[in-house]
Amino acid sequence: MSFIPRAARSAKPRRTGLTEIRGPYYAAYGPRHLADVMQTMGAYVDGVKYAGGSFALMPKAIVAEMNQIVHDHDAYVSTGGWIETVLKFGPEMVDRYLAEAKSLDFDVVEISAGFLSLPAEAMLRLIERVRQAGLKPKPELGVQFGAGGSTQSEELAAEGVKPTSWLVTQARRCLEAGAEMLMIESEGVTENVTAWRTDVPAAIAAELGLDHVMFEAADPAVFEWYVKTFGNEVNLFVDHSQIVQLEALRAGIWGTKSTWGRIANLL
């Protein structure tokens, strides 16, 4: 059906319009299911991110097999933000974690600190440590302390939020330190809030641009807003079950009442 017109999209390997999908976490799945996803929709998947340290619960051989499937479809594999669990056990354990990730053919190590009070300088040192291990650092930044792990909204509200200016400053420092891509946490922005903080992504886009920023958007209403606001080449992280819905929206071949026939792009 390629003769049916659709909104233009960059081809792989893409520099913008990246889609990262979630690995096993909310749903357990293995190589056979992942192979099905990549065989049918691999052209639109740029990366696969394990969540919550799920790979630590899986047989090592299965993790290696799944990572190879991702690579076979010209996509990268991310550890997700489990390093904040590892950090509790000291620098030596971090080095062992990075070495194990490298041996399993991970490409990206997400540096998350949603539950930790981590000094800015420590984040920058971690970026360098990941790079020295031959992996790509991907800091995850957000305005909500205590983000992650499906924490209830009431608990998060009691924690308070960080200023948007702080987030932008930290993001800029991470990029200057050698990070190629940043993940922006959804909690405190579009998740577990009474009203969306659209000023946060707007400030990031205005101050840093969008080429090196990925937004967590694992809710259809949220990724629809990002595409409507920033165009179909915005970098997004979604659940693996949402890849078809997101790409149909990006291509303008399907949508809701709000987006029907309104997604366009001229590359």
Protein backbone atom coordinates (compact mmCIF):
# COMPACT_ATOMS: atom_id res chain seq x y z
CA MET A 1 0.00 0.00 0.00
CA SER A 2 2.99 2.32 -0.42
CA PHE A 3 1.16 4.09 -3.24
CA ILE A 4 -1.23 5.60 -0.67
CA PRO A 5 0.21 9.03 0.28
CA ARG A 6 1.36 9.51 3.87
CA ALA A 7 3.34 11.99 5.90
CA ALA A 8 7.06 11.79 5.17
CA ARG A 9 9.29 9.98 7.66
CA SER A 10 13.04 9.61 7.92
CA ALA A 11 14.36 6.15 7.06
CA LYS A 12 16.64 4.10 9.31
CA PRO A 13 19.21 4.81 10.52
CA ARG A 14 17.30 7.88 11.71
CA ARG A 15 18.73 10.88 13.54
CA THR A 16 15.28 12.29 14.38
CA GLY A 17 11.85 10.77 14.70
CA LEU A 18 13.28 7.95 16.83
CA THR A 19 10.95 5.47 18.50
CA GLU A 20 12.22 3.49 21.47
CA ILE A 21 9.94 0.72 22.74
CA ARG A 22 9.77 -0.91 26.16
CA GLY A 23 11.13 -4.41 26.64
CA PRO A 24 9.68 -6.92 29.12
CA TYR A 25 8.23 -5.31 32.23
CA TYR A 26 4.46 -4.71 32.26
CA ALA A 27 4.20 -7.81 30.07
CA ALA A 28 6.59 -10.74 30.12
CA TYR A 29 7.84 -11.69 26.66
CA GLY A 30 10.81 -13.34 25.08
CA PRO A 31 12.61 -13.87 21.78
CA ARG A 32 9.65 -15.24 19.83
CA HIS A 33 7.36 -12.32 20.63
CA LEU A 34 10.15 -9.79 20.12
CA ALA A 35 10.98 -11.37 16.76
CA ASP A 36 7.32 -10.98 15.72
CA VAL A 37 7.32 -7.30 16.73
CA MET A 38 10.56 -6.59 14.87
CA GLN A 39 9.65 -8.62 11.78
CA THR A 40 6.41 -6.70 11.35
CA MET A 41 7.31 -3.23 12.66
CA GLY A 42 11.10 -3.22 12.86
CA ALA A 43 11.35 -0.50 10.22
CA TYR A 44 9.82 1.89 12.76
CA VAL A 45 11.65 0.70 15.90
CA ASP A 46 14.96 2.42 16.59
CA GLY A 47 15.64 1.06 20.05
CA VAL A 48 14.42 -1.39 22.70
CA LYS A 49 14.70 -0.50 26.37
CA TYR A 50 14.51 -3.05 29.17
CA ALA A 51 12.63 -1.56 32.12
CA GLY A 52 12.97 -2.06 35.85
CA GLY A 53 16.02 -4.30 35.58
CA SER A 54 13.90 -6.99 33.91
CA PHE A 55 16.98 -8.50 32.24
CA ALA A 56 18.37 -9.31 35.70
CA LEU A 57 15.49 -11.75 36.19
CA MET A 58 15.88 -13.45 32.81
CA PRO A 59 18.27 -16.23 31.70
CA LYS A 60 21.48 -14.68 30.40
CA ALA A 61 21.27 -16.61 27.13
CA ILE A 62 17.76 -15.30 26.47
CA VAL A 63 18.85 -11.70 27.05
CA ALA A 64 21.71 -12.17 24.60
CA GLU A 65 19.35 -13.74 22.06
CA MET A 66 16.87 -10.88 22.36
CA ASN A 67 19.61 -8.28 22.02
CA GLN A 68 20.80 -10.00 18.85
CA ILE A 69 17.26 -9.88 17.40
CA VAL A 70 17.18 -6.13 18.00
CA HIS A 71 20.57 -5.67 16.35
CA ASP A 72 19.49 -7.79 13.38
CA HIS A 73 16.83 -5.14 12.73
CA ASP A 74 19.28 -2.22 12.92
CA ALA A 75 18.11 -1.01 16.32
CA TYR A 76 19.92 -0.42 19.60
CA VAL A 77 19.38 -2.00 23.01
CA SER A 78 19.16 0.04 26.21
CA THR A 79 19.55 -1.19 29.78
CA GLY A 80 16.90 1.19 31.03
CA GLY A 81 17.54 3.01 34.28
CA TRP A 82 18.43 0.09 36.55
CA ILE A 83 21.80 1.68 37.31
CA GLU A 84 20.17 3.61 40.16
CA THR A 85 19.73 0.27 41.93
CA VAL A 86 23.36 -0.64 41.25
CA LEU A 87 24.60 2.75 42.50
CA LYS A 88 23.56 1.86 46.05
CA PHE A 89 26.33 -0.76 46.17
CA GLY A 90 29.27 1.44 45.23
CA PRO A 91 31.64 2.23 42.34
CA GLU A 92 33.05 -1.30 41.96
CA MET A 93 29.56 -2.71 41.41
CA VAL A 94 28.85 -0.02 38.81
CA ASP A 95 31.95 -1.08 36.87
CA ARG A 96 30.91 -4.75 37.02
CA TYR A 97 27.43 -3.78 35.84
CA LEU A 98 28.81 -1.88 32.86
CA ALA A 99 31.15 -4.74 31.96
CA GLU A 100 28.27 -7.22 32.06
CA ALA A 101 26.11 -4.93 29.94
CA LYS A 102 28.91 -4.68 27.39
CA SER A 103 29.35 -8.46 27.31
CA LEU A 104 25.63 -8.89 26.61
CA ASP A 105 25.86 -6.47 23.66
CA PHE A 106 23.86 -3.64 25.16
CA ASP A 107 24.47 -0.39 23.32
CA VAL A 108 22.99 2.24 25.63
CA VAL A 109 23.09 2.62 29.40
CA GLU A 110 20.34 4.85 30.72
CA ILE A 111 21.46 6.85 33.75
CA SER A 112 18.40 7.32 35.88
CA ALA A 113 18.15 8.85 39.34
CA GLY A 114 14.42 9.17 39.88
CA PHE A 115 14.60 7.71 43.38
CA LEU A 116 18.05 9.02 44.29
CA SER A 117 19.43 12.37 45.36
CA LEU A 118 22.37 12.36 42.98
CA PRO A 119 24.69 15.40 42.75
CA ALA A 120 24.99 16.94 39.30
CA GLU A 121 28.72 16.24 39.22
CA ALA A 122 28.08 12.56 39.95
CA MET A 123 25.79 12.35 36.92
CA LEU A 124 28.53 13.85 34.76
CA ARG A 125 31.08 11.36 36.11
CA LEU A 126 28.70 8.50 35.32
CA ILE A 127 28.37 9.73 31.75
CA GLU A 128 32.14 9.54 31.38
CA ARG A 129 32.28 6.14 33.10
CA VAL A 130 29.72 4.70 30.67
CA ARG A 131 31.60 6.12 27.70
CA GLN A 132 34.88 4.62 28.95
CA ALA A 133 33.13 1.23 29.11
CA GLY A 134 32.41 1.51 25.38
CA LEU A 135 28.69 2.18 25.84
CA LYS A 136 26.49 5.18 25.09
CA PRO A 137 25.23 7.09 28.15
CA LYS A 138 21.61 8.23 28.09
CA PRO A 139 20.76 10.35 31.14
CA GLU A 140 17.12 10.29 32.22
CA LEU A 141 16.04 13.64 33.64
CA GLY A 142 12.79 14.88 35.09
CA VAL A 143 11.18 17.40 37.39
CA GLN A 144 9.58 14.88 39.76
CA PHE A 145 11.58 13.44 42.65
CA GLY A 146 10.62 9.83 43.32
CA ALA A 147 9.60 9.19 39.70
CA GLY A 148 9.41 5.61 38.49
CA GLY A 149 8.09 2.35 39.81
CA SER A 150 4.40 3.25 39.40
CA THR A 151 4.38 5.45 42.49
CA GLN A 152 0.95 6.78 43.38
CA SER A 153 0.09 10.37 42.45
CA GLU A 154 -0.54 11.41 46.04
CA GLU A 155 2.92 10.27 47.12
CA LEU A 156 4.59 12.09 44.25
CA ALA A 157 2.66 15.29 44.94
CA ALA A 158 4.00 15.25 48.50
CA GLU A 159 7.58 15.03 47.18
CA GLY A 160 7.30 18.26 45.19
CA VAL A 161 8.90 19.07 41.82
CA LYS A 162 12.12 20.61 40.59
CA PRO A 163 12.18 23.89 38.63
CA THR A 164 12.08 23.64 34.86
CA SER A 165 15.15 25.88 34.71
CA TRP A 166 17.07 23.26 36.74
CA LEU A 167 16.06 20.54 34.28
CA VAL A 168 17.18 22.57 31.27
CA THR A 169 20.52 23.39 32.91
CA GLN A 170 21.15 19.76 33.82
CA ALA A 171 20.20 18.63 30.32
CA ARG A 172 22.63 21.08 28.74
CA ARG A 173 25.46 19.95 31.02
CA CYS A 174 24.81 16.28 30.19
CA LEU A 175 24.99 17.00 26.47
CA GLU A 176 28.20 18.97 26.92
CA ALA A 177 29.63 16.02 28.88
CA GLY A 178 29.16 13.69 25.91
CA ALA A 179 25.62 12.30 26.11
CA GLU A 180 24.12 11.99 22.63
CA MET A 181 20.51 11.60 23.73
CA LEU A 182 18.51 12.48 26.86
CA MET A 183 15.37 10.78 28.14
CA ILE A 184 12.80 13.12 29.70
CA GLU A 185 10.77 11.39 32.40
CA SER A 186 6.98 11.69 32.03
CA GLU A 187 6.12 11.71 35.73
CA GLY A 188 5.54 15.24 36.92
CA VAL A 189 4.97 16.32 33.31
CA THR A 190 2.20 14.21 31.73
CA GLU A 191 1.98 11.33 34.20
CA ASN A 192 0.67 11.37 37.77
CA VAL A 193 -0.27 15.06 37.59
CA THR A 194 -3.64 16.80 37.89
CA ALA A 195 -2.79 18.94 34.84
CA TRP A 196 -0.11 18.38 32.21
CA ARG A 197 3.03 20.50 32.59
CA THR A 198 3.34 21.31 28.88
CA ASP A 199 5.65 24.18 29.79
CA VAL A 200 8.39 21.63 30.57
CA PRO A 201 8.79 20.10 27.08
CA ALA A 202 8.19 23.55 25.58
CA ALA A 203 11.13 24.95 27.57
CA ILE A 204 13.35 22.01 26.60
CA ALA A 205 12.50 22.45 22.91
CA ALA A 206 13.11 26.19 23.07
CA GLU A 207 16.42 25.97 24.93
CA LEU A 208 17.94 22.76 23.56
CA GLY A 209 16.08 21.83 20.40
CA LEU A 210 14.65 18.35 19.86
CA ASP A 211 17.39 16.41 18.07
CA HIS A 212 19.03 15.11 21.26
CA VAL A 213 15.93 14.74 23.45
CA MET A 214 13.50 11.83 23.78
CA PHE A 215 10.22 12.15 25.65
CA GLU A 216 8.63 9.31 27.59
CA ALA A 217 5.10 9.09 26.20
CA ALA A 218 3.70 5.64 26.99
CA ASP A 219 0.09 6.81 26.79
CA PRO A 220 -1.74 7.38 23.47
CA ALA A 221 -3.07 10.79 24.47
CA VAL A 222 0.45 11.86 25.43
CA PHE A 223 2.26 10.74 22.28
CA GLU A 224 -0.55 12.23 20.22
CA TRP A 225 0.06 15.59 21.93
CA TYR A 226 3.79 15.41 21.27
CA VAL A 227 3.27 14.67 17.56
CA LYS A 228 0.66 17.41 17.23
CA THR A 229 2.88 19.90 19.04
CA PHE A 230 6.36 19.10 17.71
CA GLY A 231 5.65 17.21 14.48
CA ASN A 232 6.00 13.58 13.48
CA GLU A 233 9.81 13.58 13.80
CA VAL A 234 9.82 14.05 17.59
CA ASN A 235 11.74 11.34 19.51
CA LEU A 236 9.44 9.23 21.69
CA PHE A 237 9.57 6.29 24.11
CA VAL A 238 6.42 4.13 24.18
CA ASP A 239 5.35 0.66 25.25
CA HIS A 240 6.08 -2.09 22.72
CA SER A 241 2.34 -2.69 22.34
CA GLN A 242 1.90 0.88 21.02
CA ILE A 243 4.35 0.87 18.11
CA VAL A 244 1.66 0.30 15.46
CA GLN A 245 -0.63 3.00 16.88
CA LEU A 246 2.22 5.52 17.14
CA GLU A 247 3.58 4.90 13.66
CA ALA A 248 0.10 5.10 12.13
CA LEU A 249 -0.19 8.51 13.79
CA ARG A 250 3.30 9.61 12.65
CA ALA A 251 2.46 8.58 9.07
CA GLY A 252 -0.94 10.26 9.15
CA ILE A 253 -2.72 7.10 7.96
CA TRP A 254 -4.92 6.84 11.06
CA GLY A 255 -5.73 8.90 14.11
CA THR A 256 -8.35 10.30 16.42
CA LYS A 257 -10.83 13.08 15.78
CA SER A 258 -8.12 15.49 16.89
CA THR A 259 -5.46 14.24 14.44
CA TRP A 260 -7.37 12.78 11.51
CA GLY A 261 -5.88 14.17 8.30
CA ARG A 262 -3.78 16.74 10.17
CA ILE A 263 -0.34 15.09 10.32
CA ALA A 264 1.93 16.28 7.50
CA ASN A 265 5.63 16.51 6.76
CA LEU A 266 7.78 17.49 3.78
CA LEU A 267 11.32 16.16 4.09
